[in-house]
Amino acid sequence: MNLGYTIRASQVMVRHPVQGVERVRGRIDRRRDLRDLAGLGTSVSDFYGAVADWAPRLHALLDLPWPCPAVADFERVWDGIVADLSSAGVRVGIRSYGGWNDGDKAFAEAIWCIILHRRPGKVVETGVAHGLTTRVVLEALERNGCGHLWSIDLPAVDSALHSEIGMAIPQHRRHRWTYVPGTARQRLPALLDKLTGIDVFIHDSLHTGRNQMFELESAWSAMRDGAVAVVDDIDHSLAFRTFVDRGEQRRWLAARHVTGPGLAVESGLWGLVVKDREALAPSRRRPRPGRAAVSDIRDNQHYRALRPLMSTGTARDTRHVRIELAVTREIARAVRLRAPSGARILQIQAHHGQETLLLRDQLDRPDRPVIYDQEDARDAEARAGTQFEQVDFESAAFPASGGVFDVVVWNRNLVTLKNAVPALREARRVLRPGGLLVLAVPNLAALHNRVLLLAGRQPTTLHIDNGDHVRGFASGSMTRFLERDLEFRVVQITGVGIAPVTGAVLPRPFRGIGHTVVWVLQKPGGTTPGRSQPATAGLHSAGV
């Protein structure tokens, strides 16, 4: 790494510690996004149903005429912007701004048509860099003779690049532009409150799933009926698809870049979503349970209720609870990302039922969840929100007929069964074809268990005194059994925690020594849950 860059970057981080923390968090989020993408089992382009002929489809989506006379004007504007930057000695295109790409031409053309046709009064974007997309917006606003653009941008950590911010924007176009330096988390909520309603939102800043979802959810509440959000680099995470799938009256499309590679595929993707005119305003929308109600799993009331239910107050127990909560978050995230709308969910051995309510809240229009357990230990809230069936897992078949559940969740307690394999076969039987089994099991081959065995001690996954942990499962062997003997397709495997050091989700090379392993498994047949097929003519709608 260049010494001058290191010094400049360090100075920026010291002067702006909040921004520094956000930059570090972004790197962590990228690793999680990559893990989610790797677990898709299909290409990101297929996952999003991306199209190459986006232009006529976009105009159909917005009820605009096609062919569009504004396209020829865009070509002249775009070529002029590139020529201006090139004449100023600036390299334009792929990795031209501190390793990041300039705006994609197709992405910019879509924004050009939207602004010329819709004539917005208030436009908000995140991310500026050289300002190619910003310049396109300002040129379109100037042609309309109305409207203003607010741009939030976190300057690059290398201060040597700060002089290049907005270089594409000439002075005579800046009267319609307000530049807001800082992170979207710092600046976007206050800006949206000040504007009291926007017509177009453009995301082109930090493309982690966490940040993209934050920006979309923040902007959506401020967007007027008929407003449009245009989102670049949706292939960097699953966030855009999660956002459009879980909302009501959201028409959308996904398209391929024409310039610049994406993170996950050779050609990157961008997306567009419309807030339909028929949708209820947020202040009049009826509240309902489901994943749209809570953006962060940690904020869910049922998740917050789990810690006091798990903890007994000892130091060892505190470390154990930290891992259990991380496992619960991974299960909830899997349900949120992959379960279809209206899913029927079964949780096995859910005890008090708060975790089941948490999982229910990750679903759109959820069916009433079902709990199977040896005895009914549900609290009052879970009794009101779930259905219960008493099951003897050691000897009896499950009460449901075959193929009735979309998702089955079994968290940790498989180790308490002597006859675990028949029970797993029953869990598979009650899943519909294409349904998901989310299975979490303490790992017999965890690092701390290996150390204990070397020291001649009992591994924590097999108990002697109280006898409740009677089976042990090692990550690799269990994976092979699930694939070969039970004929599941492995969608994703996650390792969580190294006791007593950390409760974090582990990088892939270390998952085999993690405290707990979480499998997301699909029963063959049917379609992949949570991935609706593209609608006619490549246009997508959610909740309509």
Protein backbone atom coordinates (compact mmCIF):
# COMPACT_ATOMS: atom_id res chain seq x y z
CA MET A 1 0.00 0.00 0.00
CA ASN A 2 1.32 3.49 -0.91
CA LEU A 3 2.72 5.30 2.14
CA GLY A 4 1.29 8.67 1.09
CA TYR A 5 -2.17 7.16 0.74
CA THR A 6 -1.87 5.53 4.17
CA ILE A 7 -0.95 8.84 5.81
CA ARG A 8 -3.75 10.76 4.08
CA ALA A 9 -6.33 8.08 4.87
CA SER A 10 -5.27 7.98 8.52
CA GLN A 11 -5.65 11.74 8.81
CA VAL A 12 -9.18 11.59 7.40
CA MET A 13 -10.14 8.78 9.80
CA VAL A 14 -8.81 10.71 12.80
CA ARG A 15 -10.61 13.93 11.82
CA HIS A 16 -13.90 12.14 11.13
CA PRO A 17 -14.15 9.14 13.51
CA VAL A 18 -17.88 8.54 12.91
CA GLN A 19 -17.28 8.30 9.19
CA GLY A 20 -14.29 6.07 9.90
CA VAL A 21 -16.43 3.64 11.88
CA GLU A 22 -18.93 3.55 9.03
CA ARG A 23 -16.17 2.78 6.53
CA VAL A 24 -14.96 -0.13 8.66
CA ARG A 25 -18.52 -1.39 9.07
CA GLY A 26 -18.88 -1.26 5.30
CA ARG A 27 -16.00 -3.69 4.85
CA ILE A 28 -17.60 -6.12 7.30
CA ASP A 29 -20.94 -5.80 5.53
CA ARG A 30 -19.35 -6.56 2.16
CA ARG A 31 -18.11 -9.91 3.44
CA ARG A 32 -21.62 -10.81 4.59
CA ASP A 33 -23.08 -9.73 1.26
CA LEU A 34 -20.60 -11.90 -0.62
CA ARG A 35 -21.53 -14.87 1.55
CA ASP A 36 -25.24 -14.34 0.79
CA LEU A 37 -24.51 -14.08 -2.94
CA ALA A 38 -22.41 -17.24 -2.87
CA GLY A 39 -25.32 -19.10 -1.27
CA LEU A 40 -27.83 -18.21 -3.98
CA GLY A 41 -27.30 -21.32 -6.06
CA THR A 42 -27.89 -19.29 -9.23
CA SER A 43 -26.42 -16.26 -10.95
CA VAL A 44 -27.21 -12.82 -9.55
CA SER A 45 -28.55 -11.80 -12.95
CA ASP A 46 -31.05 -14.68 -12.93
CA PHE A 47 -31.95 -13.95 -9.30
CA TYR A 48 -32.94 -10.42 -10.29
CA GLY A 49 -34.41 -11.35 -13.67
CA ALA A 50 -32.19 -8.71 -15.28
CA VAL A 51 -32.91 -7.67 -18.87
CA ALA A 52 -30.75 -6.16 -21.60
CA ASP A 53 -33.59 -4.38 -23.47
CA TRP A 54 -34.45 -2.26 -20.44
CA ALA A 55 -35.31 0.97 -22.27
CA PRO A 56 -38.67 0.02 -23.85
CA ARG A 57 -39.58 -1.90 -20.68
CA LEU A 58 -38.82 1.11 -18.50
CA HIS A 59 -41.06 3.31 -20.63
CA ALA A 60 -43.83 0.73 -20.45
CA LEU A 61 -43.41 0.54 -16.67
CA LEU A 62 -43.80 4.33 -16.37
CA ASP A 63 -46.54 4.59 -19.04
CA LEU A 64 -44.28 6.65 -21.29
CA PRO A 65 -44.17 6.64 -25.11
CA TRP A 66 -41.66 4.51 -26.98
CA PRO A 67 -39.57 5.11 -29.08
CA CYS A 68 -38.43 7.96 -26.86
CA PRO A 69 -37.28 11.20 -28.53
CA ALA A 70 -35.15 12.06 -25.48
CA VAL A 71 -32.68 9.22 -26.16
CA ALA A 72 -30.89 11.04 -28.99
CA ASP A 73 -30.45 14.11 -26.79
CA PHE A 74 -28.99 11.93 -24.05
CA GLU A 75 -26.31 10.58 -26.39
CA ARG A 76 -25.15 14.14 -27.15
CA VAL A 77 -25.16 15.12 -23.47
CA TRP A 78 -23.28 11.99 -22.40
CA ASP A 79 -20.63 12.34 -25.10
CA GLY A 80 -20.18 15.99 -24.13
CA ILE A 81 -19.66 15.14 -20.44
CA VAL A 82 -17.08 12.48 -21.25
CA ALA A 83 -15.27 14.85 -23.62
CA ASP A 84 -15.19 17.62 -20.99
CA LEU A 85 -13.64 15.31 -18.39
CA SER A 86 -11.15 13.84 -20.86
CA SER A 87 -10.01 17.30 -21.93
CA ALA A 88 -9.44 18.14 -18.26
CA GLY A 89 -7.08 15.16 -18.00
CA VAL A 90 -9.45 12.93 -16.04
CA ARG A 91 -9.72 9.25 -16.93
CA VAL A 92 -13.37 8.26 -17.29
CA GLY A 93 -14.91 4.84 -16.77
CA ILE A 94 -13.91 1.67 -14.94
CA ARG A 95 -11.98 2.16 -11.66
CA SER A 96 -11.34 5.79 -12.51
CA TYR A 97 -12.13 7.25 -9.07
CA GLY A 98 -10.09 5.64 -6.31
CA GLY A 99 -10.85 2.16 -7.66
CA TRP A 100 -14.57 2.87 -8.15
CA ASN A 101 -16.32 3.17 -11.51
CA ASP A 102 -17.91 6.26 -12.96
CA GLY A 103 -21.66 6.12 -13.52
CA ASP A 104 -22.94 3.49 -15.95
CA LYS A 105 -24.31 4.82 -19.24
CA ALA A 106 -27.54 2.79 -19.17
CA PHE A 107 -28.15 3.80 -15.53
CA ALA A 108 -27.64 7.47 -16.49
CA GLU A 109 -29.88 7.19 -19.56
CA ALA A 110 -32.73 5.80 -17.47
CA ILE A 111 -32.41 8.73 -15.06
CA TRP A 112 -32.34 11.17 -18.00
CA CYS A 113 -35.63 9.83 -19.41
CA ILE A 114 -37.30 9.74 -15.99
CA ILE A 115 -36.46 13.36 -15.24
CA LEU A 116 -37.36 14.72 -18.67
CA HIS A 117 -40.70 12.88 -18.72
CA ARG A 118 -41.70 13.18 -15.05
CA ARG A 119 -40.41 16.77 -14.54
CA PRO A 120 -39.59 16.28 -10.83
CA GLY A 121 -39.32 19.19 -8.43
CA LYS A 122 -37.08 17.47 -5.85
CA VAL A 123 -34.40 14.90 -6.66
CA VAL A 124 -32.09 13.32 -4.07
CA GLU A 125 -29.03 11.22 -4.87
CA THR A 126 -26.36 9.55 -2.77
CA GLY A 127 -22.86 9.33 -4.21
CA VAL A 128 -21.16 11.87 -6.50
CA ALA A 129 -17.47 11.04 -7.27
CA HIS A 130 -16.65 12.70 -10.63
CA GLY A 131 -20.32 13.59 -10.98
CA LEU A 132 -21.29 12.05 -14.32
CA THR A 133 -24.73 10.99 -13.10
CA THR A 134 -25.10 14.27 -11.20
CA ARG A 135 -24.35 16.21 -14.39
CA VAL A 136 -26.94 14.19 -16.33
CA VAL A 137 -29.58 15.02 -13.70
CA LEU A 138 -28.70 18.73 -13.76
CA GLU A 139 -28.76 18.90 -17.55
CA ALA A 140 -32.21 17.30 -17.59
CA LEU A 141 -33.51 19.65 -14.88
CA GLU A 142 -32.18 22.63 -16.83
CA ARG A 143 -34.03 21.51 -19.94
CA ASN A 144 -37.20 21.23 -17.89
CA GLY A 145 -36.63 24.72 -16.51
CA CYS A 146 -37.50 23.53 -13.00
CA GLY A 147 -36.38 21.26 -10.17
CA HIS A 148 -33.41 20.94 -7.81
CA LEU A 149 -30.94 18.16 -6.96
CA TRP A 150 -29.52 17.41 -3.50
CA SER A 151 -26.46 15.12 -3.51
CA ILE A 152 -25.14 13.38 -0.38
CA ASP A 153 -21.59 12.14 -0.76
CA LEU A 154 -18.96 10.71 1.57
CA PRO A 155 -15.65 11.96 0.13
CA ALA A 156 -13.07 9.28 -0.59
CA VAL A 157 -10.81 8.35 2.30
CA ASP A 158 -7.85 9.47 0.15
CA SER A 159 -7.92 13.28 0.40
CA ALA A 160 -5.97 13.50 -2.88
CA LEU A 161 -9.24 12.61 -4.64
CA HIS A 162 -11.30 15.36 -3.00
CA SER A 163 -10.47 17.89 -5.72
CA GLU A 164 -12.07 15.52 -8.27
CA ILE A 165 -15.49 15.47 -6.56
CA GLY A 166 -18.07 16.88 -8.96
CA MET A 167 -15.51 17.73 -11.67
CA ALA A 168 -18.08 16.94 -14.36
CA ILE A 169 -20.40 19.72 -13.14
CA PRO A 170 -19.70 23.15 -14.69
CA GLN A 171 -20.35 26.31 -12.73
CA HIS A 172 -23.33 27.35 -14.89
CA ARG A 173 -25.20 24.17 -13.86
CA ARG A 174 -24.63 24.43 -10.11
CA HIS A 175 -27.52 26.79 -9.35
CA ARG A 176 -29.83 23.75 -9.28
CA TRP A 177 -27.47 21.70 -7.10
CA THR A 178 -26.86 21.39 -3.36
CA TYR A 179 -23.90 19.28 -2.26
CA VAL A 180 -24.21 17.65 1.19
CA PRO A 181 -20.94 16.05 2.41
CA GLY A 182 -21.13 13.10 4.80
CA THR A 183 -22.55 9.59 5.07
CA ALA A 184 -26.13 8.81 4.13
CA ARG A 185 -26.77 7.65 7.70
CA GLN A 186 -25.70 11.06 8.97
CA ARG A 187 -27.34 13.26 6.35
CA LEU A 188 -30.20 11.52 4.56
CA PRO A 189 -32.90 11.41 7.30
CA ALA A 190 -32.54 15.11 8.14
CA LEU A 191 -32.51 16.09 4.48
CA LEU A 192 -35.66 14.09 3.74
CA ASP A 193 -37.41 15.64 6.74
CA LYS A 194 -36.49 19.09 5.45
CA LEU A 195 -37.72 18.43 1.90
CA THR A 196 -41.06 16.88 3.09
CA GLY A 197 -41.46 14.86 -0.10
CA ILE A 198 -39.30 13.88 -3.08
CA ASP A 199 -40.01 12.80 -6.66
CA VAL A 200 -36.88 10.86 -7.63
CA PHE A 201 -34.31 9.07 -5.45
CA ILE A 202 -30.98 7.83 -6.82
CA HIS A 203 -28.74 5.44 -4.87
CA ASP A 204 -25.13 5.33 -6.03
CA SER A 205 -23.14 5.40 -2.79
CA LEU A 206 -21.91 2.53 -0.58
CA HIS A 207 -23.49 -0.56 -2.15
CA THR A 208 -23.55 -2.89 0.85
CA GLY A 209 -26.90 -4.52 1.51
CA ARG A 210 -27.18 -2.84 4.90
CA ASN A 211 -26.60 0.65 3.50
CA GLN A 212 -28.69 0.13 0.39
CA MET A 213 -31.63 -1.07 2.46
CA PHE A 214 -31.27 1.86 4.87
CA GLU A 215 -31.31 4.37 2.02
CA LEU A 216 -34.24 2.75 0.22
CA GLU A 217 -36.38 2.49 3.33
CA SER A 218 -35.56 6.07 4.36
CA ALA A 219 -36.27 7.50 0.91
CA TRP A 220 -39.42 5.41 0.37
CA SER A 221 -41.18 7.03 3.30
CA ALA A 222 -40.46 10.47 1.78
CA MET A 223 -41.29 9.60 -1.84
CA ARG A 224 -44.58 10.87 -3.23
CA ASP A 225 -47.03 8.55 -4.97
CA GLY A 226 -45.66 7.89 -8.46
CA ALA A 227 -42.08 8.67 -7.41
CA VAL A 228 -39.21 6.56 -8.72
CA ALA A 229 -36.10 5.15 -7.02
CA VAL A 230 -33.15 4.20 -9.25
CA VAL A 231 -30.52 1.99 -7.60
CA ASP A 232 -27.07 1.23 -8.98
CA ASP A 233 -25.03 -1.94 -8.39
CA ILE A 234 -27.89 -4.03 -7.04
CA ASP A 235 -25.77 -7.13 -7.79
CA HIS A 236 -23.52 -6.32 -4.81
CA SER A 237 -26.11 -7.76 -2.38
CA LEU A 238 -29.63 -9.19 -2.08
CA ALA A 239 -30.99 -5.96 -0.58
CA PHE A 240 -32.82 -4.56 -3.62
CA ARG A 241 -34.70 -7.80 -4.25
CA THR A 242 -35.55 -8.09 -0.55
CA PHE A 243 -36.90 -4.53 -0.63
CA VAL A 244 -39.11 -4.94 -3.69
CA ASP A 245 -40.35 -8.40 -2.73
CA ARG A 246 -41.63 -7.43 0.67
CA GLY A 247 -43.57 -4.27 -0.14
CA GLU A 248 -47.03 -3.55 -1.47
CA GLN A 249 -47.65 -1.94 -4.87
CA ARG A 250 -44.00 -1.93 -5.95
CA ARG A 251 -43.42 -2.27 -9.69
CA TRP A 252 -39.79 -2.74 -10.61
CA LEU A 253 -37.24 -3.91 -13.13
CA ALA A 254 -33.58 -4.90 -13.11
CA ALA A 255 -31.18 -4.27 -15.96
CA ARG A 256 -27.57 -4.85 -16.96
CA HIS A 257 -24.85 -2.25 -17.06
CA VAL A 258 -23.37 -1.34 -20.41
CA THR A 259 -20.14 0.03 -18.89
CA GLY A 260 -18.13 -1.36 -16.02
CA PRO A 261 -18.05 -4.75 -14.30
CA GLY A 262 -20.06 -5.51 -11.18
CA LEU A 263 -18.85 -7.11 -7.99
CA ALA A 264 -20.50 -10.49 -8.49
CA VAL A 265 -20.91 -10.91 -12.27
CA GLU A 266 -19.09 -9.77 -15.38
CA SER A 267 -21.63 -7.09 -16.14
CA GLY A 268 -23.11 -5.26 -13.15
CA LEU A 269 -26.79 -4.59 -12.55
CA TRP A 270 -28.97 -1.63 -11.69
CA GLY A 271 -32.62 -1.50 -10.70
CA LEU A 272 -35.65 0.74 -10.63
CA VAL A 273 -38.75 0.67 -8.42
CA VAL A 274 -41.90 2.78 -8.66
CA LYS A 275 -44.08 3.88 -5.77
CA ASP A 276 -47.44 3.34 -7.42
CA ARG A 277 -50.00 6.12 -7.42
CA GLU A 278 -52.57 3.65 -6.08
CA ALA A 279 -50.51 2.88 -2.97
CA LEU A 280 -51.70 4.24 0.34
CA ALA A 281 -49.66 7.06 1.81
CA PRO A 282 -47.46 5.82 4.70
CA SER A 283 -49.52 7.75 7.27
CA ARG A 284 -52.70 5.96 6.19
CA ARG A 285 -51.24 2.50 5.60
CA ARG A 286 -52.57 -0.08 8.01
CA PRO A 287 -49.84 -1.60 10.18
CA ARG A 288 -49.44 -5.34 9.86
CA PRO A 289 -47.00 -7.92 11.13
CA GLY A 290 -44.27 -8.93 8.74
CA ARG A 291 -40.72 -8.24 7.65
CA ALA A 292 -41.58 -4.81 6.20
CA ALA A 293 -42.33 -3.58 9.70
CA VAL A 294 -38.78 -3.97 11.09
CA SER A 295 -35.60 -3.33 9.09
CA ASP A 296 -33.07 -4.66 11.62
CA ILE A 297 -33.61 -8.02 13.30
CA ARG A 298 -32.05 -6.68 16.50
CA ASP A 299 -34.84 -4.08 16.73
CA ASN A 300 -37.59 -6.71 16.71
CA GLN A 301 -39.38 -6.91 20.07
CA HIS A 302 -39.33 -10.73 20.02
CA TYR A 303 -35.59 -10.77 19.41
CA ARG A 304 -35.04 -8.37 22.31
CA ALA A 305 -37.12 -10.69 24.51
CA LEU A 306 -34.80 -13.63 23.86
CA ARG A 307 -31.76 -12.49 25.88
CA PRO A 308 -33.43 -12.45 29.33
CA LEU A 309 -35.11 -15.79 28.52
CA MET A 310 -31.75 -17.39 27.65
CA SER A 311 -29.51 -15.91 30.35
CA THR A 312 -28.87 -17.09 33.90
CA GLY A 313 -26.26 -14.42 34.64
CA THR A 314 -23.01 -16.40 34.83
CA ALA A 315 -19.99 -15.38 32.74
CA ARG A 316 -20.02 -18.69 30.83
CA ASP A 317 -23.72 -18.33 30.19
CA THR A 318 -23.27 -14.78 28.88
CA ARG A 319 -20.77 -16.02 26.28
CA HIS A 320 -23.11 -18.85 25.32
CA VAL A 321 -26.10 -16.50 24.93
CA ARG A 322 -24.05 -14.28 22.61
CA ILE A 323 -23.56 -17.24 20.26
CA GLU A 324 -27.19 -18.37 20.53
CA LEU A 325 -28.42 -14.89 19.61
CA ALA A 326 -26.09 -14.78 16.62
CA VAL A 327 -27.45 -18.15 15.49
CA THR A 328 -31.00 -16.86 15.85
CA ARG A 329 -30.15 -13.82 13.72
CA GLU A 330 -28.71 -16.05 10.99
CA ILE A 331 -31.86 -18.17 10.97
CA ALA A 332 -34.08 -15.09 10.85
CA ARG A 333 -32.01 -13.62 8.02
CA ALA A 334 -32.34 -16.85 6.03
CA VAL A 335 -36.12 -16.81 6.47
CA ARG A 336 -36.29 -13.14 5.57
CA LEU A 337 -34.21 -13.49 2.41
CA ARG A 338 -35.47 -16.80 1.08
CA ALA A 339 -39.00 -17.57 2.30
CA PRO A 340 -41.86 -16.72 -0.08
CA SER A 341 -44.67 -14.32 0.76
CA GLY A 342 -47.49 -16.01 2.65
CA ALA A 343 -45.20 -18.84 3.73
CA ARG A 344 -46.39 -21.46 6.19
CA ILE A 345 -43.65 -22.00 8.73
CA LEU A 346 -43.08 -24.83 11.21
CA GLN A 347 -40.63 -24.50 14.10
CA ILE A 348 -39.59 -27.66 15.93
CA GLN A 349 -38.87 -27.47 19.68
CA ALA A 350 -39.50 -23.73 19.94
CA HIS A 351 -40.05 -23.75 23.74
CA HIS A 352 -41.51 -20.34 24.80
CA GLY A 353 -42.26 -19.35 21.19
CA GLN A 354 -40.64 -15.89 21.03
CA GLU A 355 -38.22 -17.08 18.35
CA THR A 356 -41.16 -18.35 16.30
CA LEU A 357 -42.79 -14.91 16.48
CA LEU A 358 -39.50 -13.37 15.38
CA LEU A 359 -39.41 -15.66 12.36
CA ARG A 360 -43.04 -14.84 11.55
CA ASP A 361 -42.13 -11.15 11.51
CA GLN A 362 -39.61 -11.75 8.73
CA LEU A 363 -42.38 -12.84 6.34
CA ASP A 364 -44.80 -10.93 4.13
CA ARG A 365 -48.44 -11.87 4.78
CA PRO A 366 -47.39 -14.81 6.96
CA ASP A 367 -49.64 -17.75 7.67
CA ARG A 368 -50.10 -18.66 11.34
CA PRO A 369 -46.85 -20.40 12.41
CA VAL A 370 -46.96 -23.93 13.82
CA ILE A 371 -44.85 -25.24 16.71
CA TYR A 372 -44.10 -28.91 17.34
CA ASP A 373 -42.75 -29.75 20.81
CA GLN A 374 -42.92 -32.43 23.50
CA GLU A 375 -44.92 -30.10 25.75
CA ASP A 376 -46.53 -26.70 25.41
CA ALA A 377 -44.11 -24.19 26.98
CA ARG A 378 -45.35 -21.16 25.00
CA ASP A 379 -45.82 -17.85 26.76
CA ALA A 380 -49.11 -15.95 26.49
CA GLU A 381 -48.07 -13.95 23.41
CA ALA A 382 -46.91 -17.04 21.54
CA ARG A 383 -50.13 -18.88 22.44
CA ALA A 384 -52.08 -16.09 20.80
CA GLY A 385 -49.89 -15.97 17.69
CA THR A 386 -49.02 -19.61 16.95
CA GLN A 387 -50.56 -23.07 16.61
CA PHE A 388 -49.21 -25.92 18.75
CA GLU A 389 -49.02 -29.68 18.22
CA GLN A 390 -47.59 -32.07 20.82
CA VAL A 391 -45.12 -34.50 19.23
CA ASP A 392 -43.03 -37.38 20.55
CA PHE A 393 -39.96 -36.92 18.35
CA GLU A 394 -38.40 -40.21 19.43
CA SER A 395 -41.14 -42.49 18.20
CA ALA A 396 -44.07 -40.73 16.51
CA ALA A 397 -44.61 -39.36 13.02
CA PHE A 398 -45.29 -35.64 12.65
CA PRO A 399 -49.01 -34.75 12.66
CA ALA A 400 -49.00 -32.91 9.32
CA SER A 401 -49.52 -34.59 5.99
CA GLY A 402 -46.72 -34.47 3.45
CA GLY A 403 -45.69 -31.23 1.74
CA VAL A 404 -47.70 -28.69 3.76
CA PHE A 405 -44.96 -26.34 5.04
CA ASP A 406 -42.86 -23.86 3.07
CA VAL A 407 -40.21 -23.52 5.78
CA VAL A 408 -39.20 -25.81 8.66
CA VAL A 409 -36.84 -24.43 11.33
CA TRP A 410 -35.04 -26.63 13.85
CA ASN A 411 -32.66 -24.70 16.09
CA ARG A 412 -30.11 -26.61 18.19
CA ASN A 413 -32.29 -29.25 19.86
CA LEU A 414 -31.61 -32.05 17.42
CA VAL A 415 -28.75 -33.01 19.79
CA THR A 416 -31.31 -33.98 22.44
CA LEU A 417 -32.81 -36.83 20.38
CA LYS A 418 -31.62 -40.42 20.39
CA ASN A 419 -33.53 -41.14 17.16
CA ALA A 420 -32.52 -37.99 15.30
CA VAL A 421 -32.49 -39.43 11.78
CA PRO A 422 -36.18 -40.51 11.68
CA ALA A 423 -37.14 -37.09 13.00
CA LEU A 424 -35.12 -35.40 10.25
CA ARG A 425 -36.86 -37.56 7.67
CA GLU A 426 -40.20 -36.43 9.07
CA ALA A 427 -39.10 -32.79 8.81
CA ARG A 428 -38.29 -33.42 5.16
CA ARG A 429 -41.60 -35.19 4.54
CA VAL A 430 -43.77 -32.28 5.74
CA LEU A 431 -41.86 -29.79 3.53
CA ARG A 432 -43.36 -29.01 0.16
CA PRO A 433 -41.15 -29.58 -2.91
CA GLY A 434 -38.82 -26.61 -3.12
CA GLY A 435 -39.36 -25.83 0.58
CA LEU A 436 -36.58 -24.92 2.99
CA LEU A 437 -35.23 -26.63 6.09
CA VAL A 438 -33.16 -24.25 8.26
CA LEU A 439 -31.20 -26.43 10.66
CA ALA A 440 -28.84 -25.24 13.41
CA VAL A 441 -26.76 -27.76 15.39
CA PRO A 442 -23.89 -27.40 17.88
CA ASN A 443 -20.72 -28.56 16.13
CA LEU A 444 -18.99 -31.58 17.65
CA ALA A 445 -15.84 -30.60 15.71
CA ALA A 446 -15.82 -27.02 17.09
CA LEU A 447 -12.41 -25.68 18.07
CA HIS A 448 -13.21 -25.60 21.78
CA ASN A 449 -14.40 -29.23 21.65
CA ARG A 450 -11.16 -30.31 19.97
CA VAL A 451 -9.19 -28.60 22.72
CA LEU A 452 -11.31 -30.23 25.41
CA LEU A 453 -10.82 -33.68 23.90
CA LEU A 454 -7.05 -33.15 23.69
CA ALA A 455 -7.14 -32.28 27.39
CA GLY A 456 -9.15 -35.44 28.15
CA ARG A 457 -12.34 -33.47 28.88
CA GLN A 458 -15.94 -34.01 27.74
CA PRO A 459 -16.98 -31.95 24.66
CA THR A 460 -19.77 -29.47 25.44
CA THR A 461 -22.10 -30.92 22.79
CA LEU A 462 -22.30 -34.27 24.63
CA HIS A 463 -23.50 -34.10 28.24
CA ILE A 464 -22.98 -36.59 31.04
CA ASP A 465 -24.66 -34.99 34.04
CA ASN A 466 -28.14 -33.93 32.90
CA GLY A 467 -28.26 -36.14 29.82
CA ASP A 468 -30.03 -33.72 27.50
CA HIS A 469 -27.29 -33.60 24.82
CA VAL A 470 -27.02 -37.19 23.67
CA ARG A 471 -26.03 -36.83 19.98
CA GLY A 472 -23.05 -35.15 18.35
CA PHE A 473 -22.75 -33.88 14.79
CA ALA A 474 -19.58 -32.70 13.03
CA SER A 475 -20.01 -30.09 10.33
CA GLY A 476 -18.50 -31.92 7.36
CA SER A 477 -20.01 -35.33 8.09
CA MET A 478 -23.43 -33.84 8.76
CA THR A 479 -23.34 -31.92 5.48
CA ARG A 480 -22.58 -35.09 3.54
CA PHE A 481 -25.39 -36.93 5.33
CA LEU A 482 -27.91 -34.18 4.58
CA GLU A 483 -26.97 -34.18 0.90
CA ARG A 484 -26.45 -37.91 0.29
CA ASP A 485 -28.89 -39.65 2.60
CA LEU A 486 -31.67 -37.09 2.97
CA GLU A 487 -31.22 -35.72 -0.57
CA PHE A 488 -31.37 -32.05 0.35
CA ARG A 489 -29.73 -29.41 -1.79
CA VAL A 490 -27.43 -27.27 0.36
CA VAL A 491 -28.24 -23.61 -0.26
CA GLN A 492 -25.97 -22.15 2.40
CA ILE A 493 -23.80 -23.21 5.35
CA THR A 494 -22.79 -20.74 8.08
CA GLY A 495 -20.46 -21.22 11.02
CA VAL A 496 -21.20 -19.12 14.11
CA GLY A 497 -18.97 -18.39 17.08
CA ILE A 498 -15.67 -19.66 18.47
CA ALA A 499 -16.12 -20.27 22.19
CA PRO A 500 -15.20 -18.47 24.34
CA VAL A 501 -13.65 -15.86 22.04
CA THR A 502 -16.41 -14.58 19.77
CA GLY A 503 -20.05 -15.03 18.84
CA ALA A 504 -19.59 -13.61 15.33
CA VAL A 505 -20.44 -15.27 12.03
CA LEU A 506 -17.22 -16.86 10.79
CA PRO A 507 -15.51 -16.53 7.41
CA ARG A 508 -16.04 -19.60 5.23
CA PRO A 509 -12.60 -21.22 5.88
CA PHE A 510 -13.34 -21.32 9.63
CA ARG A 511 -16.96 -22.47 9.66
CA GLY A 512 -15.92 -26.10 10.24
CA ILE A 513 -14.51 -25.17 13.67
CA GLY A 514 -17.36 -22.87 14.65
CA HIS A 515 -19.43 -23.43 17.78
CA THR A 516 -22.69 -23.88 15.84
CA VAL A 517 -23.41 -24.65 12.20
CA VAL A 518 -26.49 -23.33 10.38
CA TRP A 519 -27.62 -25.11 7.21
CA VAL A 520 -30.16 -23.71 4.76
CA LEU A 521 -31.41 -26.74 2.82
CA GLN A 522 -33.87 -27.08 -0.04
CA LYS A 523 -36.07 -30.07 -0.73
CA PRO A 524 -35.82 -30.96 -4.44
CA GLY A 525 -38.68 -30.04 -6.76
CA GLY A 526 -40.79 -26.93 -7.16
CA THR A 527 -39.32 -23.44 -7.45
CA THR A 528 -36.82 -21.77 -5.19
CA PRO A 529 -38.72 -20.00 -2.40
CA GLY A 530 -38.50 -16.24 -2.33
CA ARG A 531 -37.54 -15.92 -6.00
CA SER A 532 -40.64 -15.02 -7.95
CA GLN A 533 -40.42 -15.40 -11.70
CA PRO A 534 -40.29 -12.29 -13.89
CA ALA A 535 -43.67 -10.99 -14.88
CA THR A 536 -44.81 -10.61 -18.48
CA ALA A 537 -42.57 -8.44 -20.66
CA GLY A 538 -39.85 -8.35 -18.02
CA LEU A 539 -41.73 -6.04 -15.65
CA HIS A 540 -42.01 -7.08 -12.01
CA SER A 541 -44.61 -6.32 -9.41
CA ALA A 542 -44.67 -7.17 -5.72
CA GLY A 543 -47.75 -7.50 -3.56
CA VAL A 544 -50.17 -6.50 -6.32
